Amino acid sequence: MAGITKEMTIGEILKANPNVAPVLMEAGMHCLGCPSAQGESLEEAAMVHGIDIDALMKAIEEI
């Protein structure tokens, strides 16, 4: 998906495209509304959850 980067917060991503939510949930990011989702980048969240950021970005791009 054009316009979404791994530097964006999860909150920013969901505002840009709510259809990303199921992809994040499937990847194991179940706390989309928690404070961390507003303050840390997608890349940081992926690291915390042990998720490969490149694979996650590829899944997001396929939406």
N, C-alpha and C. Protein backbone atom coordinates (compact mmCIF):
# COMPACT_ATOMS: atom_id res chain seq x y z
N MET A 1 0.84 -1.17 0.00
CA MET A 1 0.00 0.00 0.00
C MET A 1 0.88 1.23 0.00
N ALA A 2 0.69 2.05 -0.96
CA ALA A 2 1.48 3.27 -1.09
C ALA A 2 1.17 4.21 0.07
N GLY A 3 2.20 4.88 0.54
CA GLY A 3 2.02 5.87 1.57
C GLY A 3 2.20 5.36 2.98
N ILE A 4 2.23 4.07 3.21
CA ILE A 4 2.44 3.52 4.54
C ILE A 4 3.90 3.10 4.66
N THR A 5 4.53 3.60 5.73
CA THR A 5 5.95 3.27 5.96
C THR A 5 6.10 2.64 7.33
N LYS A 6 7.23 1.97 7.52
CA LYS A 6 7.49 1.34 8.82
C LYS A 6 7.84 2.37 9.90
N GLU A 7 8.05 3.61 9.51
CA GLU A 7 8.33 4.67 10.47
C GLU A 7 7.06 5.27 11.06
N MET A 8 5.91 5.00 10.43
CA MET A 8 4.63 5.52 10.91
C MET A 8 4.19 4.76 12.17
N THR A 9 3.43 5.45 13.03
CA THR A 9 2.85 4.75 14.18
C THR A 9 1.68 3.91 13.70
N ILE A 10 1.30 2.93 14.51
CA ILE A 10 0.16 2.09 14.16
C ILE A 10 -1.09 2.96 14.06
N GLY A 11 -1.22 3.94 14.96
CA GLY A 11 -2.35 4.85 14.91
C GLY A 11 -2.42 5.60 13.59
N GLU A 12 -1.29 6.09 13.13
CA GLU A 12 -1.25 6.81 11.84
C GLU A 12 -1.62 5.88 10.70
N ILE A 13 -1.13 4.66 10.76
CA ILE A 13 -1.42 3.68 9.70
C ILE A 13 -2.91 3.37 9.65
N LEU A 14 -3.52 3.16 10.82
CA LEU A 14 -4.94 2.84 10.86
C LEU A 14 -5.81 4.01 10.41
N LYS A 15 -5.36 5.24 10.67
CA LYS A 15 -6.09 6.41 10.18
C LYS A 15 -5.98 6.48 8.66
N ALA A 16 -4.80 6.16 8.13
CA ALA A 16 -4.59 6.20 6.68
C ALA A 16 -5.38 5.10 5.97
N ASN A 17 -5.45 3.92 6.59
CA ASN A 17 -6.17 2.81 5.98
C ASN A 17 -6.59 1.81 7.05
N PRO A 18 -7.83 1.87 7.51
CA PRO A 18 -8.31 0.93 8.53
C PRO A 18 -8.26 -0.53 8.10
N ASN A 19 -8.16 -0.78 6.80
CA ASN A 19 -8.10 -2.16 6.31
C ASN A 19 -6.80 -2.86 6.68
N VAL A 20 -5.84 -2.12 7.23
CA VAL A 20 -4.57 -2.72 7.66
C VAL A 20 -4.76 -3.47 8.98
N ALA A 21 -5.79 -3.13 9.74
CA ALA A 21 -6.01 -3.73 11.06
C ALA A 21 -6.00 -5.27 11.04
N PRO A 22 -6.73 -5.92 10.14
CA PRO A 22 -6.69 -7.39 10.14
C PRO A 22 -5.30 -7.97 9.87
N VAL A 23 -4.52 -7.29 9.05
CA VAL A 23 -3.15 -7.75 8.76
C VAL A 23 -2.31 -7.68 10.04
N LEU A 24 -2.44 -6.58 10.77
CA LEU A 24 -1.69 -6.43 12.01
C LEU A 24 -2.15 -7.44 13.05
N MET A 25 -3.46 -7.66 13.15
CA MET A 25 -3.98 -8.64 14.11
C MET A 25 -3.47 -10.04 13.78
N GLU A 26 -3.49 -10.39 12.51
CA GLU A 26 -3.03 -11.71 12.08
C GLU A 26 -1.54 -11.89 12.39
N ALA A 27 -0.79 -10.80 12.32
CA ALA A 27 0.65 -10.86 12.59
C ALA A 27 0.95 -10.97 14.08
N GLY A 28 -0.06 -10.74 14.93
CA GLY A 28 0.15 -10.85 16.37
C GLY A 28 0.11 -9.54 17.13
N MET A 29 -0.23 -8.46 16.44
CA MET A 29 -0.34 -7.15 17.10
C MET A 29 -1.81 -6.95 17.48
N HIS A 30 -2.17 -7.42 18.67
CA HIS A 30 -3.57 -7.42 19.08
C HIS A 30 -3.99 -6.17 19.83
N CYS A 31 -3.07 -5.32 20.18
CA CYS A 31 -3.39 -4.14 20.98
C CYS A 31 -3.32 -2.89 20.11
N LEU A 32 -4.17 -2.82 19.11
CA LEU A 32 -4.12 -1.72 18.15
C LEU A 32 -4.55 -0.39 18.75
N GLY A 33 -5.32 -0.42 19.82
CA GLY A 33 -5.78 0.81 20.43
C GLY A 33 -5.03 1.21 21.68
N CYS A 34 -4.01 0.45 22.05
CA CYS A 34 -3.29 0.75 23.28
C CYS A 34 -2.38 1.97 23.09
N PRO A 35 -1.95 2.58 24.19
CA PRO A 35 -1.10 3.78 24.08
C PRO A 35 0.16 3.57 23.23
N SER A 36 0.74 2.40 23.28
CA SER A 36 1.95 2.15 22.49
C SER A 36 1.68 2.28 21.00
N ALA A 37 0.46 1.95 20.57
CA ALA A 37 0.11 2.04 19.16
C ALA A 37 0.13 3.49 18.67
N GLN A 38 0.01 4.42 19.59
CA GLN A 38 0.03 5.83 19.23
C GLN A 38 1.43 6.43 19.32
N GLY A 39 2.35 5.74 20.01
CA GLY A 39 3.65 6.34 20.26
C GLY A 39 4.84 5.66 19.63
N GLU A 40 4.71 4.39 19.26
CA GLU A 40 5.87 3.73 18.68
C GLU A 40 5.61 3.42 17.21
N SER A 41 6.68 3.36 16.46
CA SER A 41 6.55 3.10 15.02
C SER A 41 6.18 1.65 14.78
N LEU A 42 5.72 1.38 13.58
CA LEU A 42 5.40 0.00 13.20
C LEU A 42 6.64 -0.87 13.34
N GLU A 43 7.79 -0.33 12.95
CA GLU A 43 9.03 -1.09 13.05
C GLU A 43 9.36 -1.43 14.50
N GLU A 44 9.18 -0.46 15.41
CA GLU A 44 9.43 -0.72 16.83
C GLU A 44 8.46 -1.76 17.38
N ALA A 45 7.20 -1.64 17.00
CA ALA A 45 6.19 -2.61 17.46
C ALA A 45 6.51 -4.01 16.95
N ALA A 46 6.93 -4.10 15.70
CA ALA A 46 7.28 -5.40 15.13
C ALA A 46 8.44 -6.02 15.90
N MET A 47 9.41 -5.20 16.25
CA MET A 47 10.57 -5.70 16.99
C MET A 47 10.13 -6.24 18.36
N VAL A 48 9.27 -5.49 19.05
CA VAL A 48 8.79 -5.90 20.37
C VAL A 48 8.03 -7.23 20.28
N HIS A 49 7.28 -7.41 19.20
CA HIS A 49 6.47 -8.61 19.04
C HIS A 49 7.21 -9.75 18.32
N GLY A 50 8.46 -9.52 17.94
CA GLY A 50 9.22 -10.56 17.26
C GLY A 50 8.73 -10.83 15.85
N ILE A 51 8.25 -9.79 15.18
CA ILE A 51 7.70 -9.92 13.83
C ILE A 51 8.70 -9.36 12.82
N ASP A 52 8.89 -10.07 11.74
CA ASP A 52 9.77 -9.62 10.66
C ASP A 52 9.12 -8.42 9.96
N ILE A 53 9.71 -7.25 10.10
CA ILE A 53 9.12 -6.02 9.56
C ILE A 53 9.01 -6.07 8.04
N ASP A 54 9.96 -6.68 7.37
CA ASP A 54 9.90 -6.74 5.90
C ASP A 54 8.72 -7.60 5.44
N ALA A 55 8.49 -8.72 6.13
CA ALA A 55 7.36 -9.57 5.79
C ALA A 55 6.04 -8.87 6.09
N LEU A 56 6.01 -8.12 7.19
CA LEU A 56 4.80 -7.39 7.55
C LEU A 56 4.52 -6.29 6.54
N MET A 57 5.54 -5.57 6.12
CA MET A 57 5.35 -4.51 5.12
C MET A 57 4.86 -5.11 3.81
N LYS A 58 5.37 -6.27 3.45
CA LYS A 58 4.92 -6.93 2.21
C LYS A 58 3.44 -7.28 2.31
N ALA A 59 3.00 -7.78 3.47
CA ALA A 59 1.60 -8.11 3.66
C ALA A 59 0.73 -6.86 3.58
N ILE A 60 1.20 -5.77 4.16
CA ILE A 60 0.45 -4.51 4.10
C ILE A 60 0.36 -4.00 2.66
N GLU A 61 1.43 -4.12 1.92
CA GLU A 61 1.44 -3.66 0.53
C GLU A 61 0.49 -4.45 -0.34
N GLU A 62 0.15 -5.68 0.06
CA GLU A 62 -0.73 -6.53 -0.74
C GLU A 62 -2.21 -6.21 -0.54
N ILE A 63 -2.52 -5.30 0.37
CA ILE A 63 -3.92 -4.94 0.61
C ILE A 63 -4.48 -4.20 -0.59
